[in-house]
Amino acid sequence: MKLLSKLALPKKTKLATFVYEVKPTNFGTLPDDKKMAALSKFFQTQSSIQKPIRIIMLKEPLELEVGNETRYLQIPRTYVVSSESLELILEQIGLEYSVVASAPNWKIKSENLNNMILEDGNFAKCYTLYKMPAILPAAWAHSLLSKVDVVSIWIKPIESHKAVSQMIRYTGLVGTCATKSHNARYSFQKGQEVLEALSRQETKLFNCSVVVMIKANDLASLNLADRNFKTAMRANLASFDATTAMQKQMLVEGIGKVLYFELGSTAIFYPFVSADMIEVPNGVPLGINLNTMAPVIYDYTQRENYNILLLASSGAGKSVTAKTALTRLSDKYPDAMIFIVDPNGEYEAVAEHLKLNLIKVTQESKLGLEPFKLFTPSDAADILGDITKAPDTVRKEFRAKAGGCNDVKELYQKVSDEAKKFLVDLVEGPISNVLCGDSRFENRTVISLRGTSGEERVSMLLLLALGKIWKQINSVPARIPKILVIDEGWMLFQMASAGRFLNMIARVGRKFNVVFMFIPQRPEDVIENDFGRAIADNAG
C-alpha cells in the first residue's frame, strides 16, 4: 500500500561503489508458493539494509550469432547499487549475484529542459513516478521495461522510531476526513494496520522513488515514444512526470519523486525477473523467444543439473531443438565427447554434418555390448531378466549364479535347463554377434538402431549401448565435456533396470560433466511414468 507522498524531490544522495548484478528468475511462470518465496527473499534484503540502495533495470545490446546470421538484440540486466556491502545479505538469502566494477552509467552530451542528448547521438527523456493505484501486481516495475529502456528504483529505509512518528501523523491527518470520504476511510484503516505492524516491528517503512528513461534516434521518434509511454501508463492508472530541468540528475543519480512504502507494498519493485533464458557470457544461442523477441542463450554450467528434458507433443519441434542444441554445444566445445543413441536413424544426417562416427547396428557385429562387461554382475543379471522377460524364479537364478561370470555364455552354462530357454537367443541367435567383441566406440559417435525389428529388441540395444557409452564416459576426466543424447527415450521405460540406469545418469551426470539430453515421444511418457518423473525432477 502506498501511504503518502512528499512534494519535494530528495536531496542528492551519493551512493558508493558496491555494485552487484543479480541473476533473475522466471518469476512470472513460478507457482504461487515459489513466487512468495522469491518475494520473501526480496523483503529480507530490504529489511536488512541500513543505507539507501538503488536498483537499476535496463536493456543492454547483445551481438548474437544465430547460424550464419548476426543479430543485435536487447537483453534485460538488473543491478543493485549501495553504499554498504550487501554480499553477506545476498548470500544468506540465496540470491545469485556477481560483483561488478561500476554501476551502469550514461554519457550525456547536453541537457535540455525536457530531454537530453547522449554522446552516442540518441535522445533520452526521464520520468518519475508521481501517482499510482492502491493495488498493483508484484514485479510491476520490471514490466515497465517493455515500454522503456531503463527503470531505476531508489529505496531508503526509515528508522523505526521515525517511521512510527510519521505514521502517527499520517493516520491523524487522514482520520479527520475518514467520516466524509470512502477513500480517506480506507487510507485510515490501512494506515492503522501499518502503524500497529510498525509498533510490533513486523514491518518497515521506506522512502522510494521510481525513475524511467526512454530513448530514440531523433527528437520526432522521442516524442512518439513519449506519447506511447504516457498512453500505456494511463491504462495502468499510473502517473509519471518528466520533471523539467532535472533530466540529468534523474538519469545519473536516480533522483525522483519520493513516495512512502511499507515493506509488503514494495513487492511491486521486485526486480529479479526474466521470462527469458539469457545465460551470458558463456552460453550458446539456441534461437529467439517469439513471445519476448529475446535471445535464448543456454549455459549448462549454470544449472544445478546438466540434464535437458525436451517435452512437447509430436510435431512440435523437439528434434529440431535437440539438433540445434547439439550443434551449438558441439561448436562451443569442440573437444567434447558426443554420444547419440538413435532408435530411428533421425541423427544419421547430423553425424555427417558434425563429422561424427556413425554406427548402424543392423550392419555391424562385435560391438562389445556384452552386459557382464558393461555392468556389475548383479545389474547384468537384472538386465538379462528384463531383456528376456524371465519369470521371478529364473531371475533369482540369474542373480544367484551371475557372480564370477564374464559373459552371457558363462551364465548360460551355469543355469538350469529351464533358465537356458531364456538366454538361448542371446547366446546362439543373431543378437549374439553384437554382444561379443572388445571394440570401443569413438568419442564422437551416433549409434543408429534404424531397421532393428521389434520394440523389445530396440529397447535392449538402447540399454546395452547406453551402458557401453556410460562406461567410456566414466573413464574420461571430468574436465572434458560430454554430450549424451537419447532420442525416443520412452522405450527404455519398458524395462525397470533401464529406468533405474537412466535415473542414475540424471542424478550423477553433473559429476562427470555430462550434458544429458533426453527426448521422449510424448509428454505423457514422462509424466505418467515413475522413472520419467524422476528424470524430470533432475532436469536442469
Protein backbone atom coordinates (compact mmCIF):
# COMPACT_ATOMS: atom_id res chain seq x y z
CA MET A 1 0.00 0.00 0.00
CA LYS A 2 1.30 3.45 -0.94
CA LEU A 3 0.85 5.66 2.09
CA LEU A 4 1.82 9.24 1.39
CA SER A 5 3.93 11.32 -0.94
CA LYS A 6 6.19 14.26 -0.29
CA LEU A 7 6.03 17.29 -2.52
CA ALA A 8 9.79 17.82 -2.66
CA LEU A 9 12.36 15.84 -4.57
CA PRO A 10 15.02 14.19 -2.41
CA LYS A 11 18.38 15.70 -1.86
CA LYS A 12 21.22 14.34 -3.90
CA THR A 13 22.38 11.11 -2.28
CA LYS A 14 25.86 9.86 -3.08
CA LEU A 15 25.80 6.08 -3.33
CA ALA A 16 29.20 4.46 -3.07
CA THR A 17 30.74 1.71 -5.04
CA PHE A 18 29.24 -1.63 -4.04
CA VAL A 19 27.63 -2.82 -7.26
CA TYR A 20 26.09 -6.24 -7.88
CA GLU A 21 24.44 -7.82 -10.87
CA VAL A 22 21.76 -10.19 -9.59
CA LYS A 23 20.65 -13.22 -11.58
CA PRO A 24 16.94 -13.09 -12.48
CA THR A 25 14.34 -15.83 -12.12
CA ASN A 26 11.38 -16.79 -14.28
CA PHE A 27 9.16 -15.07 -11.72
CA GLY A 28 6.10 -14.86 -13.95
CA THR A 29 5.96 -18.62 -14.52
CA LEU A 30 6.62 -19.68 -10.93
CA PRO A 31 3.81 -21.31 -8.92
CA ASP A 32 2.35 -19.13 -6.17
CA ASP A 33 4.33 -20.73 -3.35
CA LYS A 34 7.64 -20.15 -5.14
CA LYS A 35 6.63 -16.59 -6.01
CA MET A 36 6.03 -15.96 -2.32
CA ALA A 37 9.42 -17.49 -1.51
CA ALA A 38 11.12 -15.19 -4.05
CA LEU A 39 9.33 -12.14 -2.66
CA SER A 40 10.26 -13.19 0.86
CA LYS A 41 13.94 -13.09 -0.14
CA PHE A 42 13.43 -9.62 -1.58
CA PHE A 43 11.76 -8.44 1.63
CA GLN A 44 14.60 -9.94 3.68
CA THR A 45 17.09 -7.94 1.64
CA GLN A 46 15.26 -4.69 2.29
CA SER A 47 14.75 -5.47 5.97
CA SER A 48 18.50 -5.99 6.33
CA ILE A 49 19.77 -2.84 4.64
CA GLN A 50 20.83 0.16 6.71
CA LYS A 51 21.53 2.60 3.89
CA PRO A 52 19.83 3.52 0.61
CA ILE A 53 20.05 1.17 -2.34
CA ARG A 54 19.41 1.81 -5.98
CA ILE A 55 18.05 -0.92 -8.25
CA ILE A 56 18.72 -0.39 -11.95
CA MET A 57 16.95 -2.48 -14.59
CA LEU A 58 17.93 -1.85 -18.17
CA LYS A 59 18.21 -3.36 -21.62
CA GLU A 60 21.71 -3.83 -22.97
CA PRO A 61 22.69 -4.66 -26.55
CA LEU A 62 23.94 -8.14 -27.35
CA GLU A 63 25.55 -9.27 -30.60
CA LEU A 64 24.36 -12.81 -31.24
CA GLU A 65 25.44 -15.29 -33.89
CA VAL A 66 22.41 -17.36 -34.96
CA GLY A 67 23.50 -19.78 -37.65
CA ASN A 68 25.19 -17.73 -40.36
CA GLU A 69 23.39 -14.58 -39.29
CA THR A 70 24.43 -11.89 -36.80
CA ARG A 71 21.59 -10.37 -34.80
CA TYR A 72 21.66 -7.40 -32.45
CA LEU A 73 19.24 -7.84 -29.59
CA GLN A 74 18.38 -6.20 -26.28
CA ILE A 75 18.67 -8.24 -23.09
CA PRO A 76 17.48 -7.21 -19.59
CA ARG A 77 20.04 -6.81 -16.79
CA THR A 78 19.47 -5.99 -13.11
CA TYR A 79 21.97 -4.18 -10.88
CA VAL A 80 21.87 -3.28 -7.20
CA VAL A 81 23.98 -0.31 -6.06
CA SER A 82 24.63 0.52 -2.41
CA SER A 83 26.99 2.45 -0.17
CA GLU A 84 27.25 -0.63 2.08
CA SER A 85 28.38 -4.15 1.22
CA LEU A 86 25.44 -6.44 0.52
CA GLU A 87 27.36 -9.63 -0.18
CA LEU A 88 26.61 -11.27 3.16
CA ILE A 89 22.93 -10.39 2.88
CA LEU A 90 22.66 -11.70 -0.69
CA GLU A 91 24.44 -14.92 0.22
CA GLN A 92 22.35 -15.54 3.33
CA ILE A 93 19.06 -15.27 1.47
CA GLY A 94 20.31 -17.29 -1.50
CA LEU A 95 20.28 -14.77 -4.34
CA GLU A 96 22.82 -15.47 -7.07
CA TYR A 97 24.92 -12.44 -7.96
CA SER A 98 28.23 -11.24 -9.31
CA VAL A 99 30.24 -8.23 -8.18
CA VAL A 100 30.83 -5.69 -10.94
CA ALA A 101 33.32 -2.85 -11.06
CA SER A 102 30.89 0.03 -11.52
CA ALA A 103 27.24 0.87 -11.90
CA PRO A 104 25.76 1.45 -15.36
CA ASN A 105 26.34 4.99 -16.50
CA TRP A 106 25.26 7.17 -19.38
CA LYS A 107 27.44 9.75 -21.09
CA ILE A 108 25.40 12.88 -21.64
CA LYS A 109 26.38 15.36 -24.34
CA SER A 110 23.87 18.05 -23.40
CA GLU A 111 20.78 18.57 -21.25
CA ASN A 112 17.66 20.41 -22.37
CA LEU A 113 14.68 21.36 -20.23
CA ASN A 114 12.70 18.21 -21.05
CA ASN A 115 15.22 15.81 -22.57
CA MET A 116 18.89 15.04 -23.09
CA ILE A 117 21.20 14.25 -25.96
CA LEU A 118 23.54 11.35 -25.24
CA GLU A 119 27.08 11.15 -26.58
CA ASP A 120 26.05 8.37 -28.97
CA GLY A 121 23.64 10.83 -30.61
CA ASN A 122 20.45 9.35 -29.18
CA PHE A 123 17.81 11.49 -27.49
CA ALA A 124 16.65 10.49 -23.99
CA LYS A 125 13.88 11.55 -21.64
CA CYS A 126 13.32 10.68 -17.96
CA TYR A 127 10.13 10.48 -15.91
CA THR A 128 9.45 9.98 -12.22
CA LEU A 129 6.53 8.01 -10.79
CA TYR A 130 4.16 10.56 -9.30
CA LYS A 131 0.96 8.67 -8.56
CA MET A 132 -0.24 5.07 -8.74
CA PRO A 133 -3.29 2.95 -7.88
CA ALA A 134 -3.57 1.28 -4.49
CA ILE A 135 -3.14 -2.20 -5.95
CA LEU A 136 -0.52 -3.26 -8.48
CA PRO A 137 0.92 -6.74 -9.13
CA ALA A 138 4.25 -7.95 -7.81
CA ALA A 139 7.18 -7.08 -10.10
CA TRP A 140 5.13 -4.33 -11.74
CA ALA A 141 8.17 -2.05 -12.02
CA HIS A 142 10.03 -4.67 -14.06
CA SER A 143 7.13 -4.83 -16.52
CA LEU A 144 7.87 -1.20 -17.38
CA LEU A 145 10.93 -2.41 -19.30
CA SER A 146 8.61 -3.42 -22.13
CA LYS A 147 7.84 0.29 -22.60
CA VAL A 148 11.09 1.99 -21.52
CA ASP A 149 14.85 1.46 -21.72
CA VAL A 150 15.81 1.98 -18.06
CA VAL A 151 13.97 1.59 -14.75
CA SER A 152 15.70 2.99 -11.65
CA ILE A 153 14.30 2.40 -8.14
CA TRP A 154 15.71 4.30 -5.16
CA ILE A 155 14.91 2.75 -1.76
CA LYS A 156 15.86 4.29 1.58
CA PRO A 157 14.95 2.59 4.89
CA ILE A 158 13.39 4.81 7.56
CA GLU A 159 14.49 4.28 11.15
CA SER A 160 11.86 2.51 13.22
CA HIS A 161 11.07 5.36 15.63
CA LYS A 162 10.85 7.88 12.80
CA ALA A 163 8.58 5.56 10.82
CA VAL A 164 6.20 5.23 13.79
CA SER A 165 6.12 9.02 14.26
CA GLN A 166 5.40 9.62 10.60
CA MET A 167 2.60 7.05 10.58
CA ILE A 168 1.02 8.61 13.66
CA ARG A 169 0.96 11.97 11.88
CA TYR A 170 -0.37 10.35 8.69
CA THR A 171 -3.23 8.48 10.40
CA GLY A 172 -4.10 11.60 12.35
CA LEU A 173 -4.30 13.61 9.14
CA VAL A 174 -6.47 11.18 7.16
CA GLY A 175 -8.51 10.31 10.25
CA THR A 176 -10.04 13.78 10.29
CA CYS A 177 -11.53 13.08 6.85
CA ALA A 178 -12.43 9.43 7.39
CA THR A 179 -16.10 10.13 8.14
CA LYS A 180 -16.55 12.20 4.99
CA SER A 181 -14.74 10.15 2.33
CA HIS A 182 -14.65 6.46 1.49
CA ASN A 183 -11.08 6.78 0.16
CA ALA A 184 -9.97 8.57 3.33
CA ARG A 185 -11.64 5.91 5.48
CA TYR A 186 -9.83 3.16 3.53
CA SER A 187 -6.49 5.00 3.85
CA PHE A 188 -7.07 5.48 7.57
CA GLN A 189 -7.77 1.76 8.11
CA LYS A 190 -4.68 0.74 6.15
CA GLY A 191 -2.60 3.34 7.94
CA GLN A 192 -3.73 1.98 11.30
CA GLU A 193 -2.75 -1.55 10.23
CA VAL A 194 0.71 -0.39 9.17
CA LEU A 195 1.15 1.64 12.37
CA GLU A 196 0.31 -1.39 14.51
CA ALA A 197 2.70 -3.56 12.49
CA LEU A 198 5.46 -0.95 12.85
CA SER A 199 4.89 -0.80 16.60
CA ARG A 200 5.28 -4.59 16.77
CA GLN A 201 8.35 -4.35 14.48
CA GLU A 202 6.65 -6.64 11.96
CA THR A 203 7.27 -4.33 9.01
CA LYS A 204 9.40 -1.39 7.92
CA LEU A 205 8.82 1.90 6.15
CA PHE A 206 10.81 3.18 3.17
CA ASN A 207 11.29 6.31 1.10
CA CYS A 208 11.14 5.19 -2.54
CA SER A 209 11.29 6.80 -5.94
CA VAL A 210 10.95 5.33 -9.41
CA VAL A 211 12.58 6.89 -12.47
CA VAL A 212 12.30 5.57 -16.03
CA MET A 213 14.08 6.58 -19.20
CA ILE A 214 13.15 6.27 -22.87
CA LYS A 215 15.47 6.98 -25.76
CA ALA A 216 15.20 7.33 -29.52
CA ASN A 217 17.32 8.11 -32.54
CA ASP A 218 15.82 11.56 -33.12
CA LEU A 219 13.52 14.08 -31.50
CA ALA A 220 10.46 13.09 -33.54
CA SER A 221 10.88 9.45 -32.53
CA LEU A 222 11.37 10.51 -28.90
CA ASN A 223 8.12 12.48 -28.97
CA LEU A 224 6.30 9.45 -30.39
CA ALA A 225 7.79 7.21 -27.70
CA ASP A 226 6.75 9.80 -25.12
CA ARG A 227 3.10 9.67 -26.26
CA ASN A 228 3.09 5.87 -26.37
CA PHE A 229 4.54 5.64 -22.87
CA LYS A 230 2.02 8.07 -21.39
CA THR A 231 -0.86 6.21 -23.05
CA ALA A 232 0.34 2.89 -21.65
CA MET A 233 0.71 4.34 -18.15
CA ARG A 234 -2.77 5.87 -18.20
CA ALA A 235 -4.10 2.37 -18.86
CA ASN A 236 -2.31 1.28 -15.66
CA LEU A 237 -3.71 4.30 -13.74
CA ALA A 238 -0.12 5.34 -13.02
CA SER A 239 1.12 8.90 -13.46
CA PHE A 240 4.68 9.80 -14.49
CA ASP A 241 6.10 13.28 -14.80
CA ALA A 242 9.07 14.38 -16.91
CA THR A 243 10.40 16.91 -14.40
CA THR A 244 11.73 20.00 -16.14
CA ALA A 245 15.43 20.84 -15.71
CA MET A 246 16.06 17.66 -13.71
CA GLN A 247 16.67 15.25 -16.58
CA LYS A 248 20.38 14.64 -15.98
CA GLN A 249 20.01 14.14 -12.22
CA MET A 250 17.12 11.76 -12.74
CA LEU A 251 19.13 9.57 -15.11
CA VAL A 252 22.54 9.66 -13.48
CA GLU A 253 21.53 9.56 -9.83
CA GLY A 254 18.02 8.13 -9.93
CA ILE A 255 16.57 11.19 -8.20
CA GLY A 256 12.79 11.30 -8.44
CA LYS A 257 9.54 11.92 -6.59
CA VAL A 258 9.71 10.39 -3.10
CA LEU A 259 6.85 8.13 -2.02
CA TYR A 260 6.33 6.22 1.22
CA PHE A 261 6.03 2.43 1.07
CA GLU A 262 5.75 -0.18 3.78
CA LEU A 263 7.65 -3.45 3.32
CA GLY A 264 4.88 -5.59 1.82
CA SER A 265 3.89 -2.98 -0.75
CA THR A 266 7.44 -2.92 -2.17
CA ALA A 267 6.58 -6.21 -3.90
CA ILE A 268 5.81 -4.08 -6.96
CA PHE A 269 9.54 -3.27 -7.12
CA TYR A 270 10.67 -6.91 -7.27
CA PRO A 271 13.33 -6.65 -9.98
CA PHE A 272 14.87 -10.10 -10.44
CA VAL A 273 12.52 -11.14 -13.21
CA SER A 274 13.05 -12.73 -16.57
CA ALA A 275 10.82 -14.80 -18.80
CA ASP A 276 13.86 -15.49 -20.92
CA MET A 277 16.86 -17.79 -20.88
CA ILE A 278 19.80 -15.42 -21.37
CA GLU A 279 22.80 -17.08 -19.80
CA VAL A 280 25.75 -14.93 -20.78
CA PRO A 281 28.67 -14.67 -21.29
CA ASN A 282 29.40 -18.39 -21.82
CA GLY A 283 26.07 -19.71 -23.08
CA VAL A 284 25.27 -20.97 -26.57
CA PRO A 285 22.49 -19.39 -28.67
CA LEU A 286 19.55 -21.67 -29.40
CA GLY A 287 17.19 -19.22 -31.07
CA ILE A 288 14.70 -16.47 -30.29
CA ASN A 289 11.85 -16.35 -27.77
CA LEU A 290 8.96 -15.44 -30.06
CA ASN A 291 6.92 -14.05 -27.15
CA THR A 292 9.54 -11.55 -25.99
CA MET A 293 11.88 -11.49 -29.02
CA ALA A 294 14.77 -12.04 -26.61
CA PRO A 295 17.55 -14.48 -27.46
CA VAL A 296 17.52 -17.95 -25.93
CA ILE A 297 21.06 -18.50 -24.63
CA TYR A 298 21.81 -21.67 -22.69
CA ASP A 299 24.79 -22.33 -20.42
CA TYR A 300 24.64 -25.82 -18.94
CA THR A 301 27.27 -24.96 -16.31
CA GLN A 302 24.84 -22.54 -14.65
CA ARG A 303 22.42 -25.36 -13.91
CA GLU A 304 22.04 -27.38 -10.74
CA ASN A 305 21.85 -30.42 -13.03
CA TYR A 306 23.22 -30.66 -16.56
CA ASN A 307 20.16 -32.51 -17.88
CA ILE A 308 17.91 -31.30 -20.71
CA LEU A 309 14.43 -32.79 -20.96
CA LEU A 310 12.57 -31.84 -24.15
CA LEU A 311 8.83 -32.18 -23.59
CA ALA A 312 6.37 -31.40 -26.38
CA SER A 313 3.73 -33.11 -28.47
CA SER A 314 4.66 -34.88 -31.69
CA GLY A 315 5.50 -32.44 -34.46
CA ALA A 316 6.20 -29.55 -32.10
CA GLY A 317 9.89 -29.36 -33.00
CA LYS A 318 11.67 -31.45 -30.37
CA SER A 319 14.08 -32.96 -32.90
CA VAL A 320 14.90 -29.57 -34.41
CA THR A 321 15.52 -28.13 -30.94
CA ALA A 322 17.69 -31.08 -29.94
CA LYS A 323 19.75 -30.89 -33.13
CA THR A 324 20.17 -27.13 -32.76
CA ALA A 325 21.34 -27.52 -29.15
CA LEU A 326 23.66 -30.34 -30.15
CA THR A 327 25.19 -28.31 -32.99
CA ARG A 328 25.70 -25.21 -30.83
CA LEU A 329 27.21 -27.21 -27.96
CA SER A 330 29.49 -29.04 -30.40
CA ASP A 331 30.70 -25.73 -31.82
CA LYS A 332 31.23 -24.29 -28.33
CA TYR A 333 33.06 -27.37 -27.02
CA PRO A 334 34.93 -28.88 -30.00
CA ASP A 335 36.79 -31.34 -27.75
CA ALA A 336 33.63 -32.67 -26.11
CA MET A 337 32.70 -36.33 -26.27
CA ILE A 338 29.40 -36.77 -28.12
CA PHE A 339 27.24 -39.88 -28.00
CA ILE A 340 23.80 -40.13 -29.58
CA VAL A 341 21.60 -43.18 -29.12
CA ASP A 342 19.21 -43.03 -32.06
CA PRO A 343 16.45 -45.67 -32.41
CA ASN A 344 15.03 -44.38 -35.71
CA GLY A 345 18.04 -43.04 -37.60
CA GLU A 346 16.98 -39.41 -37.06
CA TYR A 347 20.57 -38.31 -36.44
CA GLU A 348 22.36 -40.06 -39.30
CA ALA A 349 22.45 -36.79 -41.27
CA VAL A 350 23.66 -34.96 -38.16
CA ALA A 351 26.55 -37.42 -37.94
CA GLU A 352 27.69 -36.38 -41.38
CA HIS A 353 27.19 -32.66 -40.67
CA LEU A 354 29.12 -32.73 -37.37
CA LYS A 355 31.64 -35.28 -38.61
CA LEU A 356 30.60 -37.88 -36.04
CA ASN A 357 31.28 -41.58 -36.40
CA LEU A 358 28.11 -43.45 -37.42
CA ILE A 359 27.41 -46.99 -36.26
CA LYS A 360 24.44 -48.73 -37.89
CA VAL A 361 23.78 -51.60 -35.53
CA THR A 362 21.98 -53.69 -38.15
CA GLN A 363 25.12 -53.63 -40.29
CA GLU A 364 27.67 -54.22 -37.54
CA SER A 365 28.92 -57.09 -35.40
CA LYS A 366 31.23 -57.43 -32.42
CA LEU A 367 30.18 -54.12 -30.89
CA GLY A 368 31.15 -55.23 -27.41
CA LEU A 369 27.68 -54.88 -25.88
CA GLU A 370 28.23 -57.78 -23.51
CA PRO A 371 26.22 -56.99 -20.32
CA PHE A 372 28.81 -58.52 -17.97
CA LYS A 373 31.49 -56.19 -19.35
CA LEU A 374 29.30 -53.12 -19.00
CA PHE A 375 27.58 -53.63 -15.65
CA THR A 376 28.17 -55.28 -12.30
CA PRO A 377 27.20 -58.99 -12.22
CA SER A 378 24.05 -58.27 -10.20
CA ASP A 379 22.98 -55.44 -12.52
CA ALA A 380 23.76 -57.59 -15.56
CA ALA A 381 21.56 -60.34 -14.11
CA ASP A 382 18.68 -57.88 -13.59
CA ILE A 383 19.10 -56.53 -17.12
CA LEU A 384 19.07 -60.04 -18.57
CA GLY A 385 15.90 -60.75 -16.62
CA ASP A 386 14.25 -57.66 -18.11
CA ILE A 387 15.55 -58.30 -21.63
CA THR A 388 14.32 -61.91 -21.68
CA LYS A 389 11.14 -61.24 -19.67
CA ALA A 390 12.05 -64.15 -17.46
CA PRO A 391 9.77 -65.10 -14.54
CA ASP A 392 10.83 -64.32 -10.97
CA THR A 393 12.18 -67.81 -10.34
CA VAL A 394 14.53 -67.57 -13.32
CA ARG A 395 15.55 -64.01 -12.42
CA LYS A 396 16.52 -65.21 -8.96
CA GLU A 397 18.63 -67.93 -10.56
CA PHE A 398 20.33 -65.39 -12.82
CA ARG A 399 21.22 -63.25 -9.79
CA ALA A 400 22.39 -66.24 -7.76
CA LYS A 401 24.76 -67.51 -10.45
CA ALA A 402 25.91 -64.24 -12.06
CA GLY A 403 28.87 -63.81 -9.72
CA GLY A 404 32.16 -64.60 -11.43
CA CYS A 405 30.66 -64.66 -14.93
CA ASN A 406 32.48 -62.77 -17.68
CA ASP A 407 29.77 -63.02 -20.31
CA VAL A 408 26.27 -64.34 -21.01
CA LYS A 409 27.66 -67.61 -22.32
CA GLU A 410 29.24 -68.39 -18.95
CA LEU A 411 25.95 -67.70 -17.19
CA TYR A 412 24.21 -69.88 -19.76
CA GLN A 413 26.50 -72.76 -18.84
CA LYS A 414 25.74 -72.33 -15.12
CA VAL A 415 21.96 -72.09 -15.09
CA SER A 416 19.29 -74.78 -15.26
CA ASP A 417 17.76 -76.04 -18.47
CA GLU A 418 14.62 -74.03 -17.71
CA ALA A 419 16.67 -70.83 -17.37
CA LYS A 420 18.68 -71.62 -20.50
CA LYS A 421 15.50 -71.22 -22.57
CA PHE A 422 15.52 -67.51 -21.78
CA LEU A 423 19.18 -66.98 -22.70
CA VAL A 424 19.48 -69.11 -25.81
CA ASP A 425 18.74 -66.26 -28.26
CA LEU A 426 21.47 -64.15 -26.66
CA VAL A 427 23.95 -67.00 -26.91
CA GLU A 428 23.12 -68.55 -30.28
CA GLY A 429 20.85 -66.08 -32.07
CA PRO A 430 21.76 -63.13 -34.33
CA ILE A 431 21.91 -60.78 -31.38
CA SER A 432 24.92 -62.67 -30.01
CA ASN A 433 27.04 -61.09 -32.77
CA VAL A 434 26.73 -57.57 -31.36
CA LEU A 435 27.39 -58.71 -27.79
CA CYS A 436 30.84 -60.10 -28.46
CA GLY A 437 33.98 -58.12 -29.20
CA ASP A 438 36.05 -55.57 -27.28
CA SER A 439 35.67 -52.60 -29.61
CA ARG A 440 35.48 -49.11 -28.12
CA PHE A 441 33.11 -46.50 -29.53
CA GLU A 442 34.86 -43.47 -30.92
CA ASN A 443 34.46 -40.42 -28.70
CA ARG A 444 32.03 -38.74 -31.12
CA THR A 445 29.56 -41.38 -32.24
CA VAL A 446 25.96 -41.83 -33.34
CA ILE A 447 24.54 -45.30 -32.67
CA SER A 448 21.65 -45.80 -35.10
CA LEU A 449 19.21 -48.65 -34.50
CA ARG A 450 17.19 -47.95 -37.64
CA GLY A 451 15.99 -51.19 -39.15
CA THR A 452 16.05 -53.11 -35.87
CA SER A 453 12.85 -55.14 -35.66
CA GLY A 454 10.62 -55.04 -32.59
CA GLU A 455 10.40 -52.52 -29.74
CA GLU A 456 11.72 -55.07 -27.25
CA ARG A 457 14.91 -55.60 -29.24
CA VAL A 458 15.32 -51.86 -29.75
CA SER A 459 14.91 -51.29 -26.01
CA MET A 460 17.51 -53.95 -25.27
CA LEU A 461 20.07 -52.49 -27.67
CA LEU A 462 19.34 -48.97 -26.39
CA LEU A 463 20.18 -50.04 -22.87
CA LEU A 464 23.31 -52.01 -23.79
CA ALA A 465 24.63 -49.20 -25.99
CA LEU A 466 23.94 -46.74 -23.18
CA GLY A 467 25.82 -48.98 -20.74
CA LYS A 468 28.86 -49.06 -23.02
CA ILE A 469 28.75 -45.30 -23.50
CA TRP A 470 28.50 -44.68 -19.77
CA LYS A 471 31.49 -46.90 -19.10
CA GLN A 472 33.55 -44.87 -21.58
CA ILE A 473 32.35 -41.60 -20.06
CA ASN A 474 33.48 -42.77 -16.62
CA SER A 475 36.98 -43.42 -17.96
CA VAL A 476 37.50 -39.82 -19.14
CA PRO A 477 38.48 -36.89 -16.84
CA ALA A 478 35.58 -34.73 -15.67
CA ARG A 479 37.17 -31.59 -17.14
CA ILE A 480 36.24 -32.83 -20.63
CA PRO A 481 32.60 -32.06 -21.52
CA LYS A 482 30.41 -34.97 -22.60
CA ILE A 483 27.16 -34.66 -24.53
CA LEU A 484 24.79 -37.62 -24.34
CA VAL A 485 21.59 -37.61 -26.40
CA ILE A 486 18.90 -40.27 -26.12
CA ASP A 487 16.12 -39.96 -28.67
CA GLU A 488 12.78 -41.73 -28.19
CA GLY A 489 13.92 -42.46 -24.64
CA TRP A 490 10.46 -43.64 -23.61
CA MET A 491 11.39 -47.10 -24.93
CA LEU A 492 13.77 -47.55 -22.02
CA PHE A 493 10.96 -47.13 -19.51
CA GLN A 494 9.64 -50.53 -20.53
CA MET A 495 12.42 -52.17 -18.51
CA ALA A 496 12.81 -51.43 -14.80
CA SER A 497 16.58 -51.91 -14.95
CA ALA A 498 16.82 -49.40 -17.81
CA GLY A 499 14.69 -46.88 -15.94
CA ARG A 500 16.91 -47.15 -12.89
CA PHE A 501 20.02 -46.74 -15.06
CA LEU A 502 18.60 -43.59 -16.67
CA ASN A 503 17.80 -42.14 -13.26
CA MET A 504 21.35 -42.80 -12.12
CA ILE A 505 22.72 -40.90 -15.13
CA ALA A 506 20.36 -37.99 -14.44
CA ARG A 507 21.46 -37.85 -10.79
CA VAL A 508 25.24 -38.15 -11.16
CA GLY A 509 25.88 -36.90 -14.70
CA ARG A 510 26.91 -33.46 -13.46
CA LYS A 511 29.77 -35.05 -11.51
CA PHE A 512 31.20 -36.34 -14.80
CA ASN A 513 30.46 -33.10 -16.73
CA VAL A 514 27.74 -34.76 -18.81
CA VAL A 515 25.10 -32.76 -20.68
CA PHE A 516 22.33 -35.37 -20.79
CA MET A 517 19.60 -34.64 -23.36
CA PHE A 518 16.55 -36.87 -23.07
CA ILE A 519 13.82 -36.75 -25.75
CA PRO A 520 10.61 -38.73 -25.18
CA GLN A 521 7.95 -39.09 -27.86
CA ARG A 522 5.14 -37.52 -25.83
CA PRO A 523 4.95 -35.59 -22.55
CA GLU A 524 2.76 -38.35 -21.10
CA ASP A 525 5.63 -40.83 -21.50
CA VAL A 526 7.45 -38.89 -18.79
CA ILE A 527 4.61 -37.54 -16.69
CA GLU A 528 2.80 -40.86 -16.29
CA ASN A 529 5.90 -42.93 -15.53
CA ASP A 530 7.78 -43.09 -12.21
CA PHE A 531 11.17 -43.25 -13.96
CA GLY A 532 10.19 -40.38 -16.26
CA ARG A 533 9.09 -38.18 -13.37
CA ALA A 534 12.40 -38.85 -11.63
CA ILE A 535 14.25 -37.65 -14.74
CA ALA A 536 12.03 -34.55 -14.87
CA ASP A 537 12.84 -33.82 -11.22
CA ASN A 538 16.56 -33.85 -12.09
CA ALA A 539 16.28 -31.77 -15.26
CA GLY A 540 18.23 -28.51 -15.07
